[in-house]
Amino acid sequence: MTTGENPAYPHFPEENCYHFAGTMGSVDFPSMRFRTYVGKAERSWWAPFDQGRISVAGIDPLAAQLDHFVAVVRGETAPLVSARDGYLNMLVLEAITRSAETGCGVRLADLPQ
């Protein structure tokens, strides 16, 4: 299942493929159901969540990404991420690859900067 970002893959909007949880609650994708403690003084296993669903407009994220890229190239808007962010992401991928190849942990600081 997917979040529906690519129509080539099966999409079941009521079935979640991602669940993100933190200290203040959680959100599911693609249903956008959430549970939260925001605004509550007590957070515990025994305190009930506030629950709901986030309403989002459906757009084609691949088309939106391309539109944003074109606007950046034309100088109409700033990139959402920096070149440094992209570089750091590549370092993470390099560390993952080296770790998979060697079976050892790899520290980002040990990679060529």
PDB file of N, CA and C in Angstrom:
ATOM      1  N   MET A   1       0.839  -1.186   0.000  1.00  0.00           N
ATOM      2  CA  MET A   1       0.000   0.000   0.000  1.00  0.00           C
ATOM      3  C   MET A   1       0.875   1.239   0.000  1.00  0.00           C
ATOM      4  N   THR A   2       0.330   2.307  -0.494  1.00  0.00           N
ATOM      5  CA  THR A   2       1.066   3.562  -0.562  1.00  0.00           C
ATOM      6  C   THR A   2       0.183   4.693  -0.040  1.00  0.00           C
ATOM      7  N   THR A   3       0.756   5.868   0.017  1.00  0.00           N
ATOM      8  CA  THR A   3      -0.016   7.040   0.441  1.00  0.00           C
ATOM      9  C   THR A   3      -0.834   7.611  -0.704  1.00  0.00           C
ATOM     10  N   GLY A   4      -0.699   7.062  -1.889  1.00  0.00           N
ATOM     11  CA  GLY A   4      -1.462   7.534  -3.035  1.00  0.00           C
ATOM     12  C   GLY A   4      -0.706   8.517  -3.888  1.00  0.00           C
ATOM     13  N   GLU A   5       0.592   8.677  -3.640  1.00  0.00           N
ATOM     14  CA  GLU A   5       1.370   9.668  -4.374  1.00  0.00           C
ATOM     15  C   GLU A   5       1.655   9.253  -5.808  1.00  0.00           C
ATOM     16  N   ASN A   6       1.543   7.971  -6.114  1.00  0.00           N
ATOM     17  CA  ASN A   6       1.809   7.501  -7.466  1.00  0.00           C
ATOM     18  C   ASN A   6       0.691   6.547  -7.867  1.00  0.00           C
ATOM     19  N   PRO A   7      -0.098   6.902  -8.886  1.00  0.00           N
ATOM     20  CA  PRO A   7      -1.241   6.061  -9.262  1.00  0.00           C
ATOM     21  C   PRO A   7      -0.851   4.696  -9.817  1.00  0.00           C
ATOM     22  N   ALA A   8       0.429   4.467 -10.082  1.00  0.00           N
ATOM     23  CA  ALA A   8       0.875   3.165 -10.577  1.00  0.00           C
ATOM     24  C   ALA A   8       0.819   2.092  -9.499  1.00  0.00           C
ATOM     25  N   TYR A   9       0.729   2.497  -8.230  1.00  0.00           N
ATOM     26  CA  TYR A   9       0.722   1.549  -7.119  1.00  0.00           C
ATOM     27  C   TYR A   9      -0.641   1.515  -6.448  1.00  0.00           C
ATOM     28  N   PRO A  10      -1.009   0.367  -5.885  1.00  0.00           N
ATOM     29  CA  PRO A  10      -2.312   0.276  -5.207  1.00  0.00           C
ATOM     30  C   PRO A  10      -2.433   1.301  -4.078  1.00  0.00           C
ATOM     31  N   HIS A  11      -3.614   1.841  -3.931  1.00  0.00           N
ATOM     32  CA  HIS A  11      -3.865   2.861  -2.903  1.00  0.00           C
ATOM     33  C   HIS A  11      -5.194   2.552  -2.225  1.00  0.00           C
ATOM     34  N   PHE A  12      -5.146   2.428  -0.917  1.00  0.00           N
ATOM     35  CA  PHE A  12      -6.341   2.188  -0.121  1.00  0.00           C
ATOM     36  C   PHE A  12      -6.395   3.269   0.945  1.00  0.00           C
ATOM     37  N   PRO A  13      -7.103   4.364   0.694  1.00  0.00           N
ATOM     38  CA  PRO A  13      -7.032   5.536   1.574  1.00  0.00           C
ATOM     39  C   PRO A  13      -7.420   5.298   3.028  1.00  0.00           C
ATOM     40  N   GLU A  14      -8.186   4.268   3.300  1.00  0.00           N
ATOM     41  CA  GLU A  14      -8.564   3.993   4.690  1.00  0.00           C
ATOM     42  C   GLU A  14      -7.597   3.046   5.381  1.00  0.00           C
ATOM     43  N   GLU A  15      -6.665   2.465   4.644  1.00  0.00           N
ATOM     44  CA  GLU A  15      -5.655   1.579   5.209  1.00  0.00           C
ATOM     45  C   GLU A  15      -4.342   2.348   5.289  1.00  0.00           C
ATOM     46  N   ASN A  16      -3.727   2.375   6.442  1.00  0.00           N
ATOM     47  CA  ASN A  16      -2.521   3.177   6.633  1.00  0.00           C
ATOM     48  C   ASN A  16      -1.255   2.393   6.330  1.00  0.00           C
ATOM     49  N   CYS A  17      -0.334   3.075   5.669  1.00  0.00           N
ATOM     50  CA  CYS A  17       0.971   2.465   5.427  1.00  0.00           C
ATOM     51  C   CYS A  17       2.035   3.117   6.297  1.00  0.00           C
ATOM     52  N   TYR A  18       1.707   4.230   6.947  1.00  0.00           N
ATOM     53  CA  TYR A  18       2.638   4.891   7.867  1.00  0.00           C
ATOM     54  C   TYR A  18       1.896   5.314   9.130  1.00  0.00           C
ATOM     55  N   HIS A  19       2.576   5.172  10.252  1.00  0.00           N
ATOM     56  CA  HIS A  19       2.059   5.632  11.545  1.00  0.00           C
ATOM     57  C   HIS A  19       3.221   6.321  12.253  1.00  0.00           C
ATOM     58  N   PHE A  20       3.095   7.616  12.475  1.00  0.00           N
ATOM     59  CA  PHE A  20       4.134   8.383  13.156  1.00  0.00           C
ATOM     60  C   PHE A  20       3.638   8.737  14.545  1.00  0.00           C
ATOM     61  N   ALA A  21       4.464   8.434  15.557  1.00  0.00           N
ATOM     62  CA  ALA A  21       4.066   8.684  16.935  1.00  0.00           C
ATOM     63  C   ALA A  21       5.153   9.468  17.650  1.00  0.00           C
ATOM     64  N   GLY A  22       4.721  10.336  18.542  1.00  0.00           N
ATOM     65  CA  GLY A  22       5.647  11.115  19.345  1.00  0.00           C
ATOM     66  C   GLY A  22       5.079  11.325  20.728  1.00  0.00           C
ATOM     67  N   THR A  23       5.686  12.196  21.495  1.00  0.00           N
ATOM     68  CA  THR A  23       5.274  12.401  22.879  1.00  0.00           C
ATOM     69  C   THR A  23       3.931  13.118  22.999  1.00  0.00           C
ATOM     70  N   MET A  24       3.501  13.815  21.957  1.00  0.00           N
ATOM     71  CA  MET A  24       2.240  14.546  22.013  1.00  0.00           C
ATOM     72  C   MET A  24       1.117  13.867  21.242  1.00  0.00           C
ATOM     73  N   GLY A  25       1.415  12.723  20.600  1.00  0.00           N
ATOM     74  CA  GLY A  25       0.367  12.029  19.871  1.00  0.00           C
ATOM     75  C   GLY A  25       0.895  11.316  18.647  1.00  0.00           C
ATOM     76  N   SER A  26      -0.015  11.068  17.681  1.00  0.00           N
ATOM     77  CA  SER A  26       0.369  10.336  16.482  1.00  0.00           C
ATOM     78  C   SER A  26      -0.500  10.769  15.310  1.00  0.00           C
ATOM     79  N   VAL A  27      -0.018  10.440  14.108  1.00  0.00           N
ATOM     80  CA  VAL A  27      -0.786  10.681  12.887  1.00  0.00           C
ATOM     81  C   VAL A  27      -0.533   9.515  11.944  1.00  0.00           C
ATOM     82  N   ASP A  28      -1.586   9.115  11.218  1.00  0.00           N
ATOM     83  CA  ASP A  28      -1.522   8.003  10.278  1.00  0.00           C
ATOM     84  C   ASP A  28      -1.625   8.520   8.846  1.00  0.00           C
ATOM     85  N   PHE A  29      -0.915   7.834   7.934  1.00  0.00           N
ATOM     86  CA  PHE A  29      -0.975   8.174   6.521  1.00  0.00           C
ATOM     87  C   PHE A  29      -1.408   6.948   5.735  1.00  0.00           C
ATOM     88  N   PRO A  30      -2.286   7.059   4.752  1.00  0.00           N
ATOM     89  CA  PRO A  30      -2.850   8.280   4.204  1.00  0.00           C
ATOM     90  C   PRO A  30      -4.186   8.707   4.794  1.00  0.00           C
ATOM     91  N   SER A  31      -4.707   7.988   5.801  1.00  0.00           N
ATOM     92  CA  SER A  31      -6.031   8.340   6.338  1.00  0.00           C
ATOM     93  C   SER A  31      -6.052   9.694   7.031  1.00  0.00           C
ATOM     94  N   MET A  32      -4.873  10.152   7.507  1.00  0.00           N
ATOM     95  CA  MET A  32      -4.735  11.422   8.222  1.00  0.00           C
ATOM     96  C   MET A  32      -5.489  11.443   9.543  1.00  0.00           C
ATOM     97  N   ARG A  33      -5.733  10.257  10.125  1.00  0.00           N
ATOM     98  CA  ARG A  33      -6.299  10.197  11.477  1.00  0.00           C
ATOM     99  C   ARG A  33      -5.204  10.562  12.475  1.00  0.00           C
ATOM    100  N   PHE A  34      -5.595  11.313  13.509  1.00  0.00           N
ATOM    101  CA  PHE A  34      -4.609  11.681  14.525  1.00  0.00           C
ATOM    102  C   PHE A  34      -5.165  11.446  15.912  1.00  0.00           C
ATOM    103  N   ARG A  35      -4.244  11.291  16.834  1.00  0.00           N
ATOM    104  CA  ARG A  35      -4.539  11.202  18.268  1.00  0.00           C
ATOM    105  C   ARG A  35      -3.536  12.114  18.941  1.00  0.00           C
ATOM    106  N   THR A  36      -4.002  12.959  19.852  1.00  0.00           N
ATOM    107  CA  THR A  36      -3.085  13.941  20.415  1.00  0.00           C
ATOM    108  C   THR A  36      -3.397  14.260  21.868  1.00  0.00           C
ATOM    109  N   TYR A  37      -2.365  14.733  22.546  1.00  0.00           N
ATOM    110  CA  TYR A  37      -2.482  15.245  23.911  1.00  0.00           C
ATOM    111  C   TYR A  37      -2.313  16.754  23.933  1.00  0.00           C
ATOM    112  N   VAL A  38      -2.174  17.398  22.789  1.00  0.00           N
ATOM    113  CA  VAL A  38      -1.905  18.834  22.734  1.00  0.00           C
ATOM    114  C   VAL A  38      -2.923  19.589  23.589  1.00  0.00           C
ATOM    115  N   GLY A  39      -2.398  20.454  24.444  1.00  0.00           N
ATOM    116  CA  GLY A  39      -3.253  21.259  25.304  1.00  0.00           C
ATOM    117  C   GLY A  39      -3.677  20.570  26.595  1.00  0.00           C
ATOM    118  N   LYS A  40      -3.267  19.319  26.780  1.00  0.00           N
ATOM    119  CA  LYS A  40      -3.631  18.595  27.998  1.00  0.00           C
ATOM    120  C   LYS A  40      -2.465  18.632  28.965  1.00  0.00           C
ATOM    121  N   ALA A  41      -2.773  18.834  30.235  1.00  0.00           N
ATOM    122  CA  ALA A  41      -1.716  18.887  31.251  1.00  0.00           C
ATOM    123  C   ALA A  41      -1.119  17.508  31.496  1.00  0.00           C
ATOM    124  N   GLU A  42      -1.939  16.462  31.390  1.00  0.00           N
ATOM    125  CA  GLU A  42      -1.458  15.116  31.697  1.00  0.00           C
ATOM    126  C   GLU A  42      -1.400  14.262  30.439  1.00  0.00           C
ATOM    127  N   ARG A  43      -0.249  13.633  30.233  1.00  0.00           N
ATOM    128  CA  ARG A  43      -0.086  12.664  29.151  1.00  0.00           C
ATOM    129  C   ARG A  43       0.347  11.365  29.816  1.00  0.00           C
ATOM    130  N   SER A  44      -0.426  10.319  29.613  1.00  0.00           N
ATOM    131  CA  SER A  44      -0.045   9.034  30.191  1.00  0.00           C
ATOM    132  C   SER A  44      -0.754   7.922  29.434  1.00  0.00           C
ATOM    133  N   TRP A  45      -0.380   6.682  29.776  1.00  0.00           N
ATOM    134  CA  TRP A  45      -1.039   5.536  29.168  1.00  0.00           C
ATOM    135  C   TRP A  45      -2.526   5.503  29.511  1.00  0.00           C
ATOM    136  N   TRP A  46      -2.921   6.157  30.596  1.00  0.00           N
ATOM    137  CA  TRP A  46      -4.298   6.087  31.060  1.00  0.00           C
ATOM    138  C   TRP A  46      -5.123   7.309  30.677  1.00  0.00           C
ATOM    139  N   ALA A  47      -4.498   8.343  30.150  1.00  0.00           N
ATOM    140  CA  ALA A  47      -5.235   9.554  29.748  1.00  0.00           C
ATOM    141  C   ALA A  47      -5.747   9.388  28.317  1.00  0.00           C
ATOM    142  N   PRO A  48      -7.001   9.707  28.078  1.00  0.00           N
ATOM    143  CA  PRO A  48      -7.538   9.547  26.723  1.00  0.00           C
ATOM    144  C   PRO A  48      -6.964  10.594  25.761  1.00  0.00           C
ATOM    145  N   PHE A  49      -6.832  10.200  24.504  1.00  0.00           N
ATOM    146  CA  PHE A  49      -6.401  11.110  23.449  1.00  0.00           C
ATOM    147  C   PHE A  49      -7.572  11.948  22.955  1.00  0.00           C
ATOM    148  N   ASP A  50      -7.264  13.109  22.404  1.00  0.00           N
ATOM    149  CA  ASP A  50      -8.193  13.778  21.511  1.00  0.00           C
ATOM    150  C   ASP A  50      -7.944  13.139  20.154  1.00  0.00           C
ATOM    151  N   GLN A  51      -9.010  12.850  19.416  1.00  0.00           N
ATOM    152  CA  GLN A  51      -8.857  12.187  18.131  1.00  0.00           C
ATOM    153  C   GLN A  51      -9.555  12.976  17.046  1.00  0.00           C
ATOM    154  N   GLY A  52      -9.091  12.812  15.837  1.00  0.00           N
ATOM    155  CA  GLY A  52      -9.725  13.479  14.719  1.00  0.00           C
ATOM    156  C   GLY A  52      -9.083  13.084  13.414  1.00  0.00           C
ATOM    157  N   ARG A  53      -9.418  13.843  12.407  1.00  0.00           N
ATOM    158  CA  ARG A  53      -8.883  13.598  11.075  1.00  0.00           C
ATOM    159  C   ARG A  53      -8.523  14.941  10.455  1.00  0.00           C
ATOM    160  N   ILE A  54      -7.317  15.024   9.914  1.00  0.00           N
ATOM    161  CA  ILE A  54      -6.854  16.235   9.263  1.00  0.00           C
ATOM    162  C   ILE A  54      -7.394  16.238   7.837  1.00  0.00           C
ATOM    163  N   SER A  55      -7.994  17.327   7.449  1.00  0.00           N
ATOM    164  CA  SER A  55      -8.507  17.462   6.090  1.00  0.00           C
ATOM    165  C   SER A  55      -7.410  18.048   5.202  1.00  0.00           C
ATOM    166  N   VAL A  56      -7.099  17.357   4.138  1.00  0.00           N
ATOM    167  CA  VAL A  56      -6.084  17.841   3.202  1.00  0.00           C
ATOM    168  C   VAL A  56      -6.639  17.794   1.790  1.00  0.00           C
ATOM    169  N   ALA A  57      -6.204  18.755   0.985  1.00  0.00           N
ATOM    170  CA  ALA A  57      -6.603  18.766  -0.417  1.00  0.00           C
ATOM    171  C   ALA A  57      -5.746  17.760  -1.168  1.00  0.00           C
ATOM    172  N   GLY A  58      -6.379  16.947  -1.971  1.00  0.00           N
ATOM    173  CA  GLY A  58      -5.633  15.968  -2.742  1.00  0.00           C
ATOM    174  C   GLY A  58      -4.953  16.618  -3.943  1.00  0.00           C
ATOM    175  N   ILE A  59      -3.648  16.461  -4.011  1.00  0.00           N
ATOM    176  CA  ILE A  59      -2.894  16.937  -5.170  1.00  0.00           C
ATOM    177  C   ILE A  59      -1.944  15.829  -5.610  1.00  0.00           C
ATOM    178  N   ASP A  60      -1.477  15.928  -6.820  1.00  0.00           N
ATOM    179  CA  ASP A  60      -0.481  14.982  -7.307  1.00  0.00           C
ATOM    180  C   ASP A  60       0.873  15.477  -6.817  1.00  0.00           C
ATOM    181  N   PRO A  61       1.495  14.806  -5.834  1.00  0.00           N
ATOM    182  CA  PRO A  61       2.738  15.316  -5.272  1.00  0.00           C
ATOM    183  C   PRO A  61       3.893  15.326  -6.265  1.00  0.00           C
ATOM    184  N   LEU A  62       3.879  14.407  -7.232  1.00  0.00           N
ATOM    185  CA  LEU A  62       4.947  14.401  -8.224  1.00  0.00           C
ATOM    186  C   LEU A  62       4.839  15.630  -9.125  1.00  0.00           C
ATOM    187  N   ALA A  63       3.623  15.994  -9.523  1.00  0.00           N
ATOM    188  CA  ALA A  63       3.413  17.203 -10.326  1.00  0.00           C
ATOM    189  C   ALA A  63       3.752  18.446  -9.510  1.00  0.00           C
ATOM    190  N   ALA A  64       3.373  18.464  -8.214  1.00  0.00           N
ATOM    191  CA  ALA A  64       3.685  19.616  -7.359  1.00  0.00           C
ATOM    192  C   ALA A  64       5.189  19.776  -7.186  1.00  0.00           C
ATOM    193  N   GLN A  65       5.903  18.659  -7.048  1.00  0.00           N
ATOM    194  CA  GLN A  65       7.356  18.713  -6.916  1.00  0.00           C
ATOM    195  C   GLN A  65       7.982  19.273  -8.194  1.00  0.00           C
ATOM    196  N   LEU A  66       7.494  18.841  -9.340  1.00  0.00           N
ATOM    197  CA  LEU A  66       8.019  19.348 -10.607  1.00  0.00           C
ATOM    198  C   LEU A  66       7.698  20.831 -10.769  1.00  0.00           C
ATOM    199  N   ASP A  67       6.485  21.241 -10.415  1.00  0.00           N
ATOM    200  CA  ASP A  67       6.120  22.660 -10.477  1.00  0.00           C
ATOM    201  C   ASP A  67       7.044  23.498  -9.605  1.00  0.00           C
ATOM    202  N   HIS A  68       7.345  23.008  -8.407  1.00  0.00           N
ATOM    203  CA  HIS A  68       8.234  23.735  -7.504  1.00  0.00           C
ATOM    204  C   HIS A  68       9.639  23.818  -8.102  1.00  0.00           C
ATOM    205  N   PHE A  69      10.124  22.721  -8.668  1.00  0.00           N
ATOM    206  CA  PHE A  69      11.453  22.711  -9.276  1.00  0.00           C
ATOM    207  C   PHE A  69      11.536  23.745 -10.407  1.00  0.00           C
ATOM    208  N   VAL A  70      10.521  23.788 -11.248  1.00  0.00           N
ATOM    209  CA  VAL A  70      10.502  24.757 -12.350  1.00  0.00           C
ATOM    210  C   VAL A  70      10.505  26.182 -11.795  1.00  0.00           C
ATOM    211  N   ALA A  71       9.730  26.444 -10.751  1.00  0.00           N
ATOM    212  CA  ALA A  71       9.689  27.779 -10.147  1.00  0.00           C
ATOM    213  C   ALA A  71      11.043  28.155  -9.556  1.00  0.00           C
ATOM    214  N   VAL A  72      11.758  27.199  -8.968  1.00  0.00           N
ATOM    215  CA  VAL A  72      13.101  27.469  -8.435  1.00  0.00           C
ATOM    216  C   VAL A  72      14.052  27.812  -9.575  1.00  0.00           C
ATOM    217  N   VAL A  73      14.022  27.016 -10.638  1.00  0.00           N
ATOM    218  CA  VAL A  73      14.902  27.260 -11.786  1.00  0.00           C
ATOM    219  C   VAL A  73      14.635  28.641 -12.380  1.00  0.00           C
ATOM    220  N   ARG A  74      13.390  29.052 -12.429  1.00  0.00           N
ATOM    221  CA  ARG A  74      13.023  30.370 -12.984  1.00  0.00           C
ATOM    222  C   ARG A  74      13.315  31.514 -12.015  1.00  0.00           C
ATOM    223  N   GLY A  75      13.731  31.190 -10.790  1.00  0.00           N
ATOM    224  CA  GLY A  75      14.010  32.224  -9.800  1.00  0.00           C
ATOM    225  C   GLY A  75      12.768  32.806  -9.163  1.00  0.00           C
ATOM    226  N   GLU A  76      11.648  32.109  -9.259  1.00  0.00           N
ATOM    227  CA  GLU A  76      10.380  32.600  -8.723  1.00  0.00           C
ATOM    228  C   GLU A  76      10.174  32.254  -7.247  1.00  0.00           C
ATOM    229  N   THR A  77      10.935  31.288  -6.758  1.00  0.00           N
ATOM    230  CA  THR A  77      10.805  30.874  -5.364  1.00  0.00           C
ATOM    231  C   THR A  77      12.128  30.261  -4.894  1.00  0.00           C
ATOM    232  N   ALA A  78      12.266  30.147  -3.587  1.00  0.00           N
ATOM    233  CA  ALA A  78      13.468  29.539  -3.011  1.00  0.00           C
ATOM    234  C   ALA A  78      13.254  28.030  -2.876  1.00  0.00           C
ATOM    235  N   PRO A  79      14.323  27.250  -2.960  1.00  0.00           N
ATOM    236  CA  PRO A  79      14.183  25.800  -2.750  1.00  0.00           C
ATOM    237  C   PRO A  79      13.673  25.492  -1.342  1.00  0.00           C
ATOM    238  N   LEU A  80      12.941  24.402  -1.217  1.00  0.00           N
ATOM    239  CA  LEU A  80      12.448  23.982   0.096  1.00  0.00           C
ATOM    240  C   LEU A  80      13.566  23.393   0.946  1.00  0.00           C
ATOM    241  N   VAL A  81      14.580  22.834   0.309  1.00  0.00           N
ATOM    242  CA  VAL A  81      15.752  22.308   1.004  1.00  0.00           C
ATOM    243  C   VAL A  81      16.995  22.895   0.347  1.00  0.00           C
ATOM    244  N   SER A  82      18.053  22.983   1.126  1.00  0.00           N
ATOM    245  CA  SER A  82      19.286  23.578   0.614  1.00  0.00           C
ATOM    246  C   SER A  82      20.171  22.525  -0.060  1.00  0.00           C
ATOM    247  N   ALA A  83      21.158  23.000  -0.798  1.00  0.00           N
ATOM    248  CA  ALA A  83      22.144  22.086  -1.374  1.00  0.00           C
ATOM    249  C   ALA A  83      22.857  21.333  -0.253  1.00  0.00           C
ATOM    250  N   ARG A  84      23.091  21.996   0.865  1.00  0.00           N
ATOM    251  CA  ARG A  84      23.730  21.330   2.017  1.00  0.00           C
ATOM    252  C   ARG A  84      22.857  20.194   2.539  1.00  0.00           C
ATOM    253  N   ASP A  85      21.540  20.417   2.604  1.00  0.00           N
ATOM    254  CA  ASP A  85      20.631  19.343   3.019  1.00  0.00           C
ATOM    255  C   ASP A  85      20.768  18.139   2.095  1.00  0.00           C
ATOM    256  N   GLY A  86      20.835  18.387   0.797  1.00  0.00           N
ATOM    257  CA  GLY A  86      20.999  17.305  -0.166  1.00  0.00           C
ATOM    258  C   GLY A  86      22.311  16.577   0.027  1.00  0.00           C
ATOM    259  N   TYR A  87      23.364  17.329   0.266  1.00  0.00           N
ATOM    260  CA  TYR A  87      24.678  16.739   0.500  1.00  0.00           C
ATOM    261  C   TYR A  87      24.673  15.861   1.751  1.00  0.00           C
ATOM    262  N   LEU A  88      24.081  16.357   2.822  1.00  0.00           N
ATOM    263  CA  LEU A  88      24.010  15.570   4.058  1.00  0.00           C
ATOM    264  C   LEU A  88      23.197  14.294   3.847  1.00  0.00           C
ATOM    265  N   ASN A  89      22.145  14.377   3.055  1.00  0.00           N
ATOM    266  CA  ASN A  89      21.357  13.202   2.741  1.00  0.00           C
ATOM    267  C   ASN A  89      22.203  12.167   1.996  1.00  0.00           C
ATOM    268  N   MET A  90      23.049  12.625   1.087  1.00  0.00           N
ATOM    269  CA  MET A  90      23.931  11.712   0.360  1.00  0.00           C
ATOM    270  C   MET A  90      24.936  11.052   1.312  1.00  0.00           C
ATOM    271  N   LEU A  91      25.401  11.799   2.327  1.00  0.00           N
ATOM    272  CA  LEU A  91      26.300  11.202   3.321  1.00  0.00           C
ATOM    273  C   LEU A  91      25.595  10.082   4.087  1.00  0.00           C
ATOM    274  N   VAL A  92      24.358  10.291   4.429  1.00  0.00           N
ATOM    275  CA  VAL A  92      23.592   9.255   5.134  1.00  0.00           C
ATOM    276  C   VAL A  92      23.470   8.014   4.249  1.00  0.00           C
ATOM    277  N   LEU A  93      23.154   8.215   2.971  1.00  0.00           N
ATOM    278  CA  LEU A  93      23.048   7.078   2.057  1.00  0.00           C
ATOM    279  C   LEU A  93      24.381   6.349   1.910  1.00  0.00           C
ATOM    280  N   GLU A  94      25.473   7.096   1.852  1.00  0.00           N
ATOM    281  CA  GLU A  94      26.802   6.488   1.774  1.00  0.00           C
ATOM    282  C   GLU A  94      27.089   5.664   3.028  1.00  0.00           C
ATOM    283  N   ALA A  95      26.724   6.180   4.190  1.00  0.00           N
ATOM    284  CA  ALA A  95      26.937   5.450   5.442  1.00  0.00           C
ATOM    285  C   ALA A  95      26.113   4.166   5.461  1.00  0.00           C
ATOM    286  N   ILE A  96      24.890   4.227   4.995  1.00  0.00           N
ATOM    287  CA  ILE A  96      24.040   3.035   4.939  1.00  0.00           C
ATOM    288  C   ILE A  96      24.659   1.985   4.013  1.00  0.00           C
ATOM    289  N   THR A  97      25.126   2.434   2.847  1.00  0.00           N
ATOM    290  CA  THR A  97      25.743   1.510   1.888  1.00  0.00           C
ATOM    291  C   THR A  97      26.984   0.856   2.474  1.00  0.00           C
ATOM    292  N   ARG A  98      27.853   1.657   3.079  1.00  0.00           N
ATOM    293  CA  ARG A  98      29.080   1.097   3.667  1.00  0.00           C
ATOM    294  C   ARG A  98      28.768   0.135   4.805  1.00  0.00           C
ATOM    295  N   SER A  99      27.789   0.482   5.604  1.00  0.00           N
ATOM    296  CA  SER A  99      27.413  -0.383   6.708  1.00  0.00           C
ATOM    297  C   SER A  99      26.871  -1.715   6.197  1.00  0.00           C
ATOM    298  N   ALA A 100      26.050  -1.660   5.153  1.00  0.00           N
ATOM    299  CA  ALA A 100      25.504  -2.893   4.570  1.00  0.00           C
ATOM    300  C   ALA A 100      26.613  -3.748   3.969  1.00  0.00           C
ATOM    301  N   GLU A 101      27.586  -3.101   3.352  1.00  0.00           N
ATOM    302  CA  GLU A 101      28.691  -3.844   2.720  1.00  0.00           C
ATOM    303  C   GLU A 101      29.640  -4.467   3.744  1.00  0.00           C
ATOM    304  N   THR A 102      29.867  -3.764   4.834  1.00  0.00           N
ATOM    305  CA  THR A 102      30.868  -4.222   5.807  1.00  0.00           C
ATOM    306  C   THR A 102      30.266  -4.922   7.016  1.00  0.00           C
ATOM    307  N   GLY A 103      28.988  -4.710   7.264  1.00  0.00           N
ATOM    308  CA  GLY A 103      28.370  -5.276   8.448  1.00  0.00           C
ATOM    309  C   GLY A 103      28.729  -4.524   9.718  1.00  0.00           C
ATOM    310  N   CYS A 104      29.338  -3.340   9.570  1.00  0.00           N
ATOM    311  CA  CYS A 104      29.748  -2.525  10.714  1.00  0.00           C
ATOM    312  C   CYS A 104      29.020  -1.194  10.701  1.00  0.00           C
ATOM    313  N   GLY A 105      28.933  -0.596  11.882  1.00  0.00           N
ATOM    314  CA  GLY A 105      28.377   0.751  11.973  1.00  0.00           C
ATOM    315  C   GLY A 105      29.295   1.755  11.295  1.00  0.00           C
ATOM    316  N   VAL A 106      28.728   2.786  10.719  1.00  0.00           N
ATOM    317  CA  VAL A 106      29.503   3.830  10.060  1.00  0.00           C
ATOM    318  C   VAL A 106      29.059   5.186  10.611  1.00  0.00           C
ATOM    319  N   ARG A 107      30.018   5.930  11.116  1.00  0.00           N
ATOM    320  CA  ARG A 107      29.721   7.274  11.618  1.00  0.00           C
ATOM    321  C   ARG A 107      29.829   8.279  10.476  1.00  0.00           C
ATOM    322  N   LEU A 108      28.887   9.191  10.399  1.00  0.00           N
ATOM    323  CA  LEU A 108      28.933  10.212   9.352  1.00  0.00           C
ATOM    324  C   LEU A 108      30.236  11.005   9.426  1.00  0.00           C
ATOM    325  N   ALA A 109      30.729  11.233  10.635  1.00  0.00           N
ATOM    326  CA  ALA A 109      31.954  12.005  10.815  1.00  0.00           C
ATOM    327  C   ALA A 109      33.154  11.300  10.192  1.00  0.00           C
ATOM    328  N   ASP A 110      33.079   9.985   9.991  1.00  0.00           N
ATOM    329  CA  ASP A 110      34.182   9.234   9.413  1.00  0.00           C
ATOM    330  C   ASP A 110      34.186   9.235   7.889  1.00  0.00           C
ATOM    331  N   LEU A 111      33.136   9.762   7.282  1.00  0.00           N
ATOM    332  CA  LEU A 111      33.065   9.816   5.821  1.00  0.00           C
ATOM    333  C   LEU A 111      33.775  11.054   5.306  1.00  0.00           C
ATOM    334  N   PRO A 112      34.301  10.995   4.075  1.00  0.00           N
ATOM    335  CA  PRO A 112      34.945  12.190   3.510  1.00  0.00           C
ATOM    336  C   PRO A 112      33.951  13.339   3.431  1.00  0.00           C
ATOM    337  N   GLN A 113      34.351  14.469   3.943  1.00  0.00           N
ATOM    338  CA  GLN A 113      33.467  15.645   3.925  1.00  0.00           C
ATOM    339  C   GLN A 113      33.893  16.524   2.794  1.00  0.00           C
TER     340      GLN A 113
END
